[in-house]
PDB file of N, CA and C in Angstrom:
ATOM      1  N   UNK A   1     141.357 116.258 104.802  1.00  0.00           N
ATOM      2  CA  UNK A   1     141.202 117.244 103.834  1.00  0.00           C
ATOM      3  C   UNK A   1     142.493 118.009 103.475  1.00  0.00           C
ATOM      4  N   UNK A   2     142.287 118.365 102.433  1.00  0.00           N
ATOM      5  CA  UNK A   2     143.544 119.338 101.697  1.00  0.00           C
ATOM      6  C   UNK A   2     143.536 120.448 100.837  1.00  0.00           C
ATOM      7  N   UNK A   3     144.120 121.404 100.624  1.00  0.00           N
ATOM      8  CA  UNK A   3     143.823 122.276  99.949  1.00  0.00           C
ATOM      9  C   UNK A   3     145.229 122.740  98.944  1.00  0.00           C
ATOM     10  N   UNK A   4     145.158 122.624  97.670  1.00  0.00           N
ATOM     11  CA  UNK A   4     146.216 123.036  96.691  1.00  0.00           C
ATOM     12  C   UNK A   4     145.936 124.468  96.168  1.00  0.00           C
ATOM     13  N   UNK A   5     146.749 125.148  96.230  1.00  0.00           N
ATOM     14  CA  UNK A   5     147.017 126.488  95.883  1.00  0.00           C
ATOM     15  C   UNK A   5     148.041 126.509  94.461  1.00  0.00           C
ATOM     16  N   UNK A   6     147.676 127.221  93.301  1.00  0.00           N
ATOM     17  CA  UNK A   6     148.551 126.973  92.450  1.00  0.00           C
ATOM     18  C   UNK A   6     148.256 128.377  91.749  1.00  0.00           C
ATOM     19  N   UNK A   7     149.303 128.707  90.717  1.00  0.00           N
ATOM     20  CA  UNK A   7     149.241 129.723  89.934  1.00  0.00           C
ATOM     21  C   UNK A   7     148.049 129.598  88.727  1.00  0.00           C
ATOM     22  N   UNK A   8     148.046 130.753  88.153  1.00  0.00           N
ATOM     23  CA  UNK A   8     146.774 130.868  87.022  1.00  0.00           C
ATOM     24  C   UNK A   8     147.429 130.322  85.766  1.00  0.00           C
ATOM     25  N   UNK A   9     147.546 128.937  85.721  1.00  0.00           N
ATOM     26  CA  UNK A   9     148.231 128.175  84.728  1.00  0.00           C
ATOM     27  C   UNK A   9     147.059 127.921  83.587  1.00  0.00           C
ATOM     28  N   UNK A  10     147.480 127.475  82.591  1.00  0.00           N
ATOM     29  CA  UNK A  10     146.648 127.262  81.539  1.00  0.00           C
ATOM     30  C   UNK A  10     145.476 125.803  81.723  1.00  0.00           C
ATOM     31  N   UNK A  11     144.453 126.013  81.159  1.00  0.00           N
ATOM     32  CA  UNK A  11     143.406 125.062  81.519  1.00  0.00           C
ATOM     33  C   UNK A  11     143.974 123.392  81.637  1.00  0.00           C
ATOM     34  N   UNK A  12     145.019 123.298  80.611  1.00  0.00           N
ATOM     35  CA  UNK A  12     145.350 121.819  80.626  1.00  0.00           C
ATOM     36  C   UNK A  12     146.204 121.557  81.699  1.00  0.00           C
ATOM     37  N   UNK A  13     146.951 122.627  82.326  1.00  0.00           N
ATOM     38  CA  UNK A  13     147.898 122.469  83.349  1.00  0.00           C
ATOM     39  C   UNK A  13     146.855 121.716  84.594  1.00  0.00           C
ATOM     40  N   UNK A  14     145.724 122.709  84.501  1.00  0.00           N
ATOM     41  CA  UNK A  14     144.469 122.457  85.981  1.00  0.00           C
ATOM     42  C   UNK A  14     144.102 121.174  85.762  1.00  0.00           C
ATOM     43  N   UNK A  15     143.785 120.526  84.556  1.00  0.00           N
ATOM     44  CA  UNK A  15     143.144 119.242  84.242  1.00  0.00           C
ATOM     45  C   UNK A  15     144.262 117.993  84.508  1.00  0.00           C
ATOM     46  N   UNK A  16     145.498 118.607  84.301  1.00  0.00           N
ATOM     47  CA  UNK A  16     146.585 117.389  84.661  1.00  0.00           C
ATOM     48  C   UNK A  16     146.816 117.367  85.972  1.00  0.00           C
ATOM     49  N   UNK A  17     146.800 118.445  86.699  1.00  0.00           N
ATOM     50  CA  UNK A  17     146.990 118.484  88.299  1.00  0.00           C
ATOM     51  C   UNK A  17     145.640 117.769  88.775  1.00  0.00           C
ATOM     52  N   UNK A  18     144.362 117.866  88.260  1.00  0.00           N
ATOM     53  CA  UNK A  18     143.339 117.394  88.818  1.00  0.00           C
ATOM     54  C   UNK A  18     143.402 115.819  88.640  1.00  0.00           C
ATOM     55  N   UNK A  19     143.785 115.251  87.434  1.00  0.00           N
ATOM     56  CA  UNK A  19     143.970 114.255  87.408  1.00  0.00           C
ATOM     57  C   UNK A  19     145.169 113.163  88.117  1.00  0.00           C
ATOM     58  N   UNK A  20     146.106 113.879  88.208  1.00  0.00           N
ATOM     59  CA  UNK A  20     147.222 113.436  89.132  1.00  0.00           C
ATOM     60  C   UNK A  20     146.584 113.237  90.668  1.00  0.00           C
ATOM     61  N   UNK A  21     146.166 114.268  91.127  1.00  0.00           N
ATOM     62  CA  UNK A  21     145.547 114.099  92.435  1.00  0.00           C
ATOM     63  C   UNK A  21     144.434 112.950  92.539  1.00  0.00           C
ATOM     64  N   UNK A  22     143.354 112.638  91.456  1.00  0.00           N
ATOM     65  CA  UNK A  22     142.664 111.973  91.701  1.00  0.00           C
ATOM     66  C   UNK A  22     143.383 110.337  91.614  1.00  0.00           C
ATOM     67  N   UNK A  23     144.610 110.401  90.973  1.00  0.00           N
ATOM     68  CA  UNK A  23     145.173 108.872  90.852  1.00  0.00           C
ATOM     69  C   UNK A  23     146.068 108.607  91.930  1.00  0.00           C
ATOM     70  N   UNK A  24     146.518 109.625  92.292  1.00  0.00           N
ATOM     71  CA  UNK A  24     147.191 109.405  93.795  1.00  0.00           C
ATOM     72  C   UNK A  24     146.457 109.132  94.877  1.00  0.00           C
ATOM     73  N   UNK A  25     145.362 109.715  95.122  1.00  0.00           N
ATOM     74  CA  UNK A  25     144.527 109.808  96.322  1.00  0.00           C
ATOM     75  C   UNK A  25     142.905 109.262  95.840  1.00  0.00           C
ATOM     76  N   UNK A  26     142.464 108.581  96.883  1.00  0.00           N
ATOM     77  CA  UNK A  26     141.106 108.058  96.986  1.00  0.00           C
ATOM     78  C   UNK A  26     140.508 109.594  97.541  1.00  0.00           C
ATOM     79  N   UNK A  27     140.130 110.660  96.627  1.00  0.00           N
ATOM     80  CA  UNK A  27     139.743 111.863  97.089  1.00  0.00           C
ATOM     81  C   UNK A  27     138.643 112.163  96.232  1.00  0.00           C
ATOM     82  N   UNK A  28     138.071 113.439  96.730  1.00  0.00           N
ATOM     83  CA  UNK A  28     136.946 114.032  96.253  1.00  0.00           C
ATOM     84  C   UNK A  28     136.932 115.682  96.334  1.00  0.00           C
ATOM     85  N   UNK A  29     136.857 116.092  94.848  1.00  0.00           N
ATOM     86  CA  UNK A  29     136.881 117.779  94.950  1.00  0.00           C
ATOM     87  C   UNK A  29     135.584 118.424  95.463  1.00  0.00           C
ATOM     88  N   UNK A  30     135.700 118.908  96.639  1.00  0.00           N
ATOM     89  CA  UNK A  30     134.783 119.595  97.448  1.00  0.00           C
ATOM     90  C   UNK A  30     134.647 121.214  96.873  1.00  0.00           C
ATOM     91  N   UNK A  31     135.606 121.862  96.354  1.00  0.00           N
ATOM     92  CA  UNK A  31     135.541 123.363  95.864  1.00  0.00           C
ATOM     93  C   UNK A  31     136.715 123.281  95.125  1.00  0.00           C
ATOM     94  N   UNK A  32     136.219 124.219  93.942  1.00  0.00           N
ATOM     95  CA  UNK A  32     137.378 125.002  93.020  1.00  0.00           C
ATOM     96  C   UNK A  32     137.003 126.591  92.875  1.00  0.00           C
ATOM     97  N   UNK A  33     138.168 127.124  92.752  1.00  0.00           N
ATOM     98  CA  UNK A  33     138.276 128.228  92.439  1.00  0.00           C
ATOM     99  C   UNK A  33     139.347 128.670  91.696  1.00  0.00           C
ATOM    100  N   UNK A  34     139.489 130.064  90.985  1.00  0.00           N
ATOM    101  CA  UNK A  34     140.374 130.204  89.948  1.00  0.00           C
ATOM    102  C   UNK A  34     141.951 129.899  90.141  1.00  0.00           C
ATOM    103  N   UNK A  35     142.254 129.882  91.570  1.00  0.00           N
ATOM    104  CA  UNK A  35     143.634 129.193  91.983  1.00  0.00           C
ATOM    105  C   UNK A  35     143.708 128.522  93.052  1.00  0.00           C
ATOM    106  N   UNK A  36     142.871 127.581  93.224  1.00  0.00           N
ATOM    107  CA  UNK A  36     142.323 126.934  94.256  1.00  0.00           C
ATOM    108  C   UNK A  36     141.598 125.748  94.076  1.00  0.00           C
ATOM    109  N   UNK A  37     142.033 124.567  94.790  1.00  0.00           N
ATOM    110  CA  UNK A  37     141.332 123.474  94.563  1.00  0.00           C
ATOM    111  C   UNK A  37     141.229 122.705  95.993  1.00  0.00           C
ATOM    112  N   UNK A  38     140.296 122.242  96.494  1.00  0.00           N
ATOM    113  CA  UNK A  38     139.607 121.859  97.973  1.00  0.00           C
ATOM    114  C   UNK A  38     139.197 120.569  97.567  1.00  0.00           C
ATOM    115  N   UNK A  39     140.385 119.469  98.180  1.00  0.00           N
ATOM    116  CA  UNK A  39     139.844 118.026  98.221  1.00  0.00           C
ATOM    117  C   UNK A  39     139.608 117.602  99.488  1.00  0.00           C
ATOM    118  N   UNK A  40     138.813 116.563  99.578  1.00  0.00           N
ATOM    119  CA  UNK A  40     138.467 115.715 100.794  1.00  0.00           C
ATOM    120  C   UNK A  40     139.292 114.186 100.447  1.00  0.00           C
ATOM    121  N   UNK A  41     140.015 113.884 101.194  1.00  0.00           N
ATOM    122  CA  UNK A  41     140.752 112.622 101.213  1.00  0.00           C
ATOM    123  C   UNK A  41     139.675 111.383 102.003  1.00  0.00           C
ATOM    124  N   UNK A  42     139.320 110.472 101.074  1.00  0.00           N
ATOM    125  CA  UNK A  42     138.394 109.316 101.643  1.00  0.00           C
ATOM    126  C   UNK A  42     139.281 108.115 102.158  1.00  0.00           C
ATOM    127  N   UNK A  43     140.777 108.278 102.412  1.00  0.00           N
ATOM    128  CA  UNK A  43     141.038 107.006 102.922  1.00  0.00           C
ATOM    129  C   UNK A  43     141.906 107.689 104.091  1.00  0.00           C
ATOM    130  N   UNK A  44     142.346 106.790 105.033  1.00  0.00           N
ATOM    131  CA  UNK A  44     143.416 106.912 106.006  1.00  0.00           C
ATOM    132  C   UNK A  44     144.578 106.875 105.698  1.00  0.00           C
ATOM    133  N   UNK A  45     145.621 107.575 105.924  1.00  0.00           N
ATOM    134  CA  UNK A  45     146.965 107.540 105.221  1.00  0.00           C
ATOM    135  C   UNK A  45     147.679 108.304 106.530  1.00  0.00           C
ATOM    136  N   UNK A  46     149.109 107.732 106.481  1.00  0.00           N
ATOM    137  CA  UNK A  46     149.829 108.673 107.615  1.00  0.00           C
ATOM    138  C   UNK A  46     150.242 109.852 106.971  1.00  0.00           C
ATOM    139  N   UNK A  47     150.355 110.762 107.846  1.00  0.00           N
ATOM    140  CA  UNK A  47     150.788 112.210 107.599  1.00  0.00           C
ATOM    141  C   UNK A  47     152.148 112.354 106.494  1.00  0.00           C
ATOM    142  N   UNK A  48     152.984 111.359 107.103  1.00  0.00           N
ATOM    143  CA  UNK A  48     154.600 111.588 106.297  1.00  0.00           C
ATOM    144  C   UNK A  48     153.944 110.775 104.941  1.00  0.00           C
ATOM    145  N   UNK A  49     153.571 110.126 104.702  1.00  0.00           N
ATOM    146  CA  UNK A  49     153.147 109.588 103.089  1.00  0.00           C
ATOM    147  C   UNK A  49     152.239 110.786 102.472  1.00  0.00           C
ATOM    148  N   UNK A  50     151.299 111.074 103.346  1.00  0.00           N
ATOM    149  CA  UNK A  50     150.320 112.138 102.409  1.00  0.00           C
ATOM    150  C   UNK A  50     151.491 113.731 102.177  1.00  0.00           C
ATOM    151  N   UNK A  51     152.207 113.880 103.022  1.00  0.00           N
ATOM    152  CA  UNK A  51     153.117 115.130 102.601  1.00  0.00           C
ATOM    153  C   UNK A  51     154.191 114.666 101.747  1.00  0.00           C
ATOM    154  N   UNK A  52     154.762 113.488 101.474  1.00  0.00           N
ATOM    155  CA  UNK A  52     155.618 113.045 100.744  1.00  0.00           C
ATOM    156  C   UNK A  52     154.857 113.170  99.258  1.00  0.00           C
ATOM    157  N   UNK A  53     153.647 112.303  99.096  1.00  0.00           N
ATOM    158  CA  UNK A  53     153.090 112.588  98.114  1.00  0.00           C
ATOM    159  C   UNK A  53     152.609 114.061  97.428  1.00  0.00           C
ATOM    160  N   UNK A  54     152.400 114.729  98.401  1.00  0.00           N
ATOM    161  CA  UNK A  54     151.990 116.234  97.912  1.00  0.00           C
ATOM    162  C   UNK A  54     153.370 116.971  97.418  1.00  0.00           C
ATOM    163  N   UNK A  55     154.459 116.984  98.188  1.00  0.00           N
ATOM    164  CA  UNK A  55     155.714 117.278  97.837  1.00  0.00           C
ATOM    165  C   UNK A  55     156.151 116.885  96.409  1.00  0.00           C
ATOM    166  N   UNK A  56     156.007 115.768  96.351  1.00  0.00           N
ATOM    167  CA  UNK A  56     156.195 114.948  94.790  1.00  0.00           C
ATOM    168  C   UNK A  56     155.453 115.732  93.816  1.00  0.00           C
ATOM    169  N   UNK A  57     154.263 115.670  94.011  1.00  0.00           N
ATOM    170  CA  UNK A  57     153.002 116.378  93.284  1.00  0.00           C
ATOM    171  C   UNK A  57     153.292 118.025  92.960  1.00  0.00           C
ATOM    172  N   UNK A  58     153.996 118.615  93.938  1.00  0.00           N
ATOM    173  CA  UNK A  58     154.403 120.272  93.692  1.00  0.00           C
ATOM    174  C   UNK A  58     155.415 120.166  92.882  1.00  0.00           C
ATOM    175  N   UNK A  59     156.266 119.242  93.150  1.00  0.00           N
ATOM    176  CA  UNK A  59     157.834 119.192  92.269  1.00  0.00           C
ATOM    177  C   UNK A  59     157.623 118.798  90.948  1.00  0.00           C
ATOM    178  N   UNK A  60     156.527 118.107  90.345  1.00  0.00           N
ATOM    179  CA  UNK A  60     156.053 117.567  89.036  1.00  0.00           C
ATOM    180  C   UNK A  60     155.222 118.738  88.601  1.00  0.00           C
ATOM    181  N   UNK A  61     154.452 119.539  89.216  1.00  0.00           N
ATOM    182  CA  UNK A  61     153.566 120.436  88.733  1.00  0.00           C
ATOM    183  C   UNK A  61     154.107 121.790  89.088  1.00  0.00           C
ATOM    184  N   UNK A  62     154.829 122.523  88.095  1.00  0.00           N
ATOM    185  CA  UNK A  62     155.268 123.818  88.156  1.00  0.00           C
ATOM    186  C   UNK A  62     154.132 125.002  88.679  1.00  0.00           C
ATOM    187  N   UNK A  63     152.705 124.681  88.343  1.00  0.00           N
ATOM    188  CA  UNK A  63     151.606 125.600  88.761  1.00  0.00           C
ATOM    189  C   UNK A  63     151.506 125.433  90.247  1.00  0.00           C
ATOM    190  N   UNK A  64     151.974 124.384  90.948  1.00  0.00           N
ATOM    191  CA  UNK A  64     151.369 124.219  92.269  1.00  0.00           C
ATOM    192  C   UNK A  64     152.257 125.099  93.134  1.00  0.00           C
ATOM    193  N   UNK A  65     151.811 126.343  93.966  1.00  0.00           N
ATOM    194  CA  UNK A  65     152.448 127.230  94.441  1.00  0.00           C
ATOM    195  C   UNK A  65     152.649 126.541  95.940  1.00  0.00           C
ATOM    196  N   UNK A  66     151.383 126.073  96.628  1.00  0.00           N
ATOM    197  CA  UNK A  66     151.370 125.795  97.915  1.00  0.00           C
ATOM    198  C   UNK A  66     150.292 124.683  98.146  1.00  0.00           C
ATOM    199  N   UNK A  67     150.454 124.032  99.074  1.00  0.00           N
ATOM    200  CA  UNK A  67     149.190 122.968  99.740  1.00  0.00           C
ATOM    201  C   UNK A  67     149.262 123.173 101.165  1.00  0.00           C
ATOM    202  N   UNK A  68     148.150 122.823 101.650  1.00  0.00           N
ATOM    203  CA  UNK A  68     147.882 122.593 103.280  1.00  0.00           C
ATOM    204  C   UNK A  68     147.202 121.434 103.587  1.00  0.00           C
ATOM    205  N   UNK A  69     147.156 120.774 104.676  1.00  0.00           N
ATOM    206  CA  UNK A  69     146.176 119.527 105.073  1.00  0.00           C
ATOM    207  C   UNK A  69     145.831 120.153 106.554  1.00  0.00           C
ATOM    208  N   UNK A  70     144.341 119.948 106.718  1.00  0.00           N
ATOM    209  CA  UNK A  70     143.688 120.009 107.749  1.00  0.00           C
ATOM    210  C   UNK A  70     143.042 119.097 108.182  1.00  0.00           C
ATOM    211  N   UNK A  71     142.557 118.705 109.454  1.00  0.00           N
ATOM    212  CA  UNK A  71     141.672 117.676 109.868  1.00  0.00           C
ATOM    213  C   UNK A  71     140.444 118.144 109.383  1.00  0.00           C
ATOM    214  N   UNK A  72     139.226 117.407 109.496  1.00  0.00           N
ATOM    215  CA  UNK A  72     137.923 117.861 109.155  1.00  0.00           C
ATOM    216  C   UNK A  72     137.482 118.317 110.475  1.00  0.00           C
ATOM    217  N   UNK A  73     136.959 119.487 110.493  1.00  0.00           N
ATOM    218  CA  UNK A  73     136.324 120.353 111.693  1.00  0.00           C
ATOM    219  C   UNK A  73     135.080 119.662 111.972  1.00  0.00           C
ATOM    220  N   UNK A  74     134.444 120.173 113.146  1.00  0.00           N
ATOM    221  CA  UNK A  74     133.043 119.694 113.657  1.00  0.00           C
ATOM    222  C   UNK A  74     132.170 120.550 112.965  1.00  0.00           C
ATOM    223  N   UNK A  75     132.289 121.767 112.489  1.00  0.00           N
ATOM    224  CA  UNK A  75     131.460 122.383 111.651  1.00  0.00           C
ATOM    225  C   UNK A  75     131.318 121.398 110.195  1.00  0.00           C
ATOM    226  N   UNK A  76     132.555 121.170 109.481  1.00  0.00           N
ATOM    227  CA  UNK A  76     132.386 120.769 108.324  1.00  0.00           C
ATOM    228  C   UNK A  76     131.529 119.115 108.584  1.00  0.00           C
ATOM    229  N   UNK A  77     131.640 118.421 109.614  1.00  0.00           N
ATOM    230  CA  UNK A  77     130.800 117.360 110.022  1.00  0.00           C
ATOM    231  C   UNK A  77     129.033 117.683 110.000  1.00  0.00           C
ATOM    232  N   UNK A  78     128.678 118.583 110.702  1.00  0.00           N
ATOM    233  CA  UNK A  78     127.550 119.079 110.981  1.00  0.00           C
ATOM    234  C   UNK A  78     126.966 119.548 109.451  1.00  0.00           C
ATOM    235  N   UNK A  79     127.782 120.193 108.583  1.00  0.00           N
ATOM    236  CA  UNK A  79     127.316 120.464 107.388  1.00  0.00           C
ATOM    237  C   UNK A  79     127.305 119.500 106.520  1.00  0.00           C
ATOM    238  N   UNK A  80     127.865 118.530 106.677  1.00  0.00           N
ATOM    239  CA  UNK A  80     127.902 116.990 105.890  1.00  0.00           C
ATOM    240  C   UNK A  80     126.678 116.493 106.399  1.00  0.00           C
ATOM    241  N   UNK A  81     126.229 116.466 107.545  1.00  0.00           N
ATOM    242  CA  UNK A  81     124.937 115.542 108.236  1.00  0.00           C
ATOM    243  C   UNK A  81     123.728 116.441 107.469  1.00  0.00           C
ATOM    244  N   UNK A  82     123.868 118.012 107.573  1.00  0.00           N
ATOM    245  CA  UNK A  82     122.918 118.572 107.064  1.00  0.00           C
ATOM    246  C   UNK A  82     122.591 118.580 105.489  1.00  0.00           C
ATOM    247  N   UNK A  83     123.513 118.355 104.881  1.00  0.00           N
ATOM    248  CA  UNK A  83     123.089 118.097 103.736  1.00  0.00           C
ATOM    249  C   UNK A  83     122.625 116.813 103.035  1.00  0.00           C
ATOM    250  N   UNK A  84     123.123 115.722 103.821  1.00  0.00           N
ATOM    251  CA  UNK A  84     122.727 114.371 103.745  1.00  0.00           C
ATOM    252  C   UNK A  84     121.133 114.507 104.163  1.00  0.00           C
ATOM    253  N   UNK A  85     120.777 115.215 105.284  1.00  0.00           N
ATOM    254  CA  UNK A  85     119.384 115.074 105.472  1.00  0.00           C
ATOM    255  C   UNK A  85     118.473 116.215 104.615  1.00  0.00           C
ATOM    256  N   UNK A  86     118.947 117.191 103.914  1.00  0.00           N
ATOM    257  CA  UNK A  86     118.288 117.788 102.953  1.00  0.00           C
ATOM    258  C   UNK A  86     117.978 116.895 101.470  1.00  0.00           C
ATOM    259  N   UNK A  87     119.126 115.978 101.131  1.00  0.00           N
ATOM    260  CA  UNK A  87     118.985 115.276  99.964  1.00  0.00           C
ATOM    261  C   UNK A  87     117.982 114.260 100.086  1.00  0.00           C
ATOM    262  N   UNK A  88     117.885 113.437 101.409  1.00  0.00           N
ATOM    263  CA  UNK A  88     117.021 112.412 101.772  1.00  0.00           C
ATOM    264  C   UNK A  88     115.467 113.128 101.934  1.00  0.00           C
ATOM    265  N   UNK A  89     115.424 114.206 102.271  1.00  0.00           N
ATOM    266  CA  UNK A  89     113.925 114.754 102.214  1.00  0.00           C
ATOM    267  C   UNK A  89     113.787 115.029 101.108  1.00  0.00           C
ATOM    268  N   UNK A  90     114.519 115.518 100.194  1.00  0.00           N
ATOM    269  CA  UNK A  90     113.956 115.784  98.910  1.00  0.00           C
ATOM    270  C   UNK A  90     113.855 114.595  97.955  1.00  0.00           C
ATOM    271  N   UNK A  91     114.191 113.135  98.398  1.00  0.00           N
ATOM    272  CA  UNK A  91     114.073 111.982  97.827  1.00  0.00           C
ATOM    273  C   UNK A  91     112.787 111.463  98.014  1.00  0.00           C
ATOM    274  N   UNK A  92     112.596 111.385  99.571  1.00  0.00           N
ATOM    275  CA  UNK A  92     110.991 110.736 100.065  1.00  0.00           C
ATOM    276  C   UNK A  92     110.272 111.554 100.033  1.00  0.00           C
ATOM    277  N   UNK A  93     109.110 111.458  99.577  1.00  0.00           N
ATOM    278  CA  UNK A  93     107.744 112.428  99.827  1.00  0.00           C
ATOM    279  C   UNK A  93     107.474 112.209 101.024  1.00  0.00           C
ATOM    280  N   UNK A  94     106.711 113.412 101.590  1.00  0.00           N
ATOM    281  CA  UNK A  94     106.053 113.337 102.835  1.00  0.00           C
ATOM    282  C   UNK A  94     104.809 113.376 102.531  1.00  0.00           C
ATOM    283  N   UNK A  95     104.159 112.393 103.423  1.00  0.00           N
ATOM    284  CA  UNK A  95     102.470 112.154 103.192  1.00  0.00           C
ATOM    285  C   UNK A  95     102.131 112.854 104.635  1.00  0.00           C
ATOM    286  N   UNK A  96     100.862 113.616 104.349  1.00  0.00           N
ATOM    287  CA  UNK A  96     100.528 114.275 105.740  1.00  0.00           C
ATOM    288  C   UNK A  96      99.712 112.991 106.350  1.00  0.00           C
ATOM    289  N   UNK A  97      99.375 113.278 107.887  1.00  0.00           N
ATOM    290  CA  UNK A  97      98.881 112.021 108.390  1.00  0.00           C
ATOM    291  C   UNK A  97      97.174 112.430 108.628  1.00  0.00           C
TER     292      UNK A  97
END
């Protein structure tokens, strides 16, 4: 997972940044706030490659102030399983015995 913090740029700058992130990484936008994008990377890559790509992205997008990279936490794994369970329960009707 990684987090990108940026200045409150124009909407077109944010759209450009999101597009570049999608092109560089096999990632999924998990959360978005006024000056923060939170992505989950769906591929395995070396940290050195990830940081090189993020540093290049920061250099080419003046609105990017900072970024951070974290491992997926155990809590995030449990929450993911809980969401999957809820969506599966919503799809399959429960029939009384």
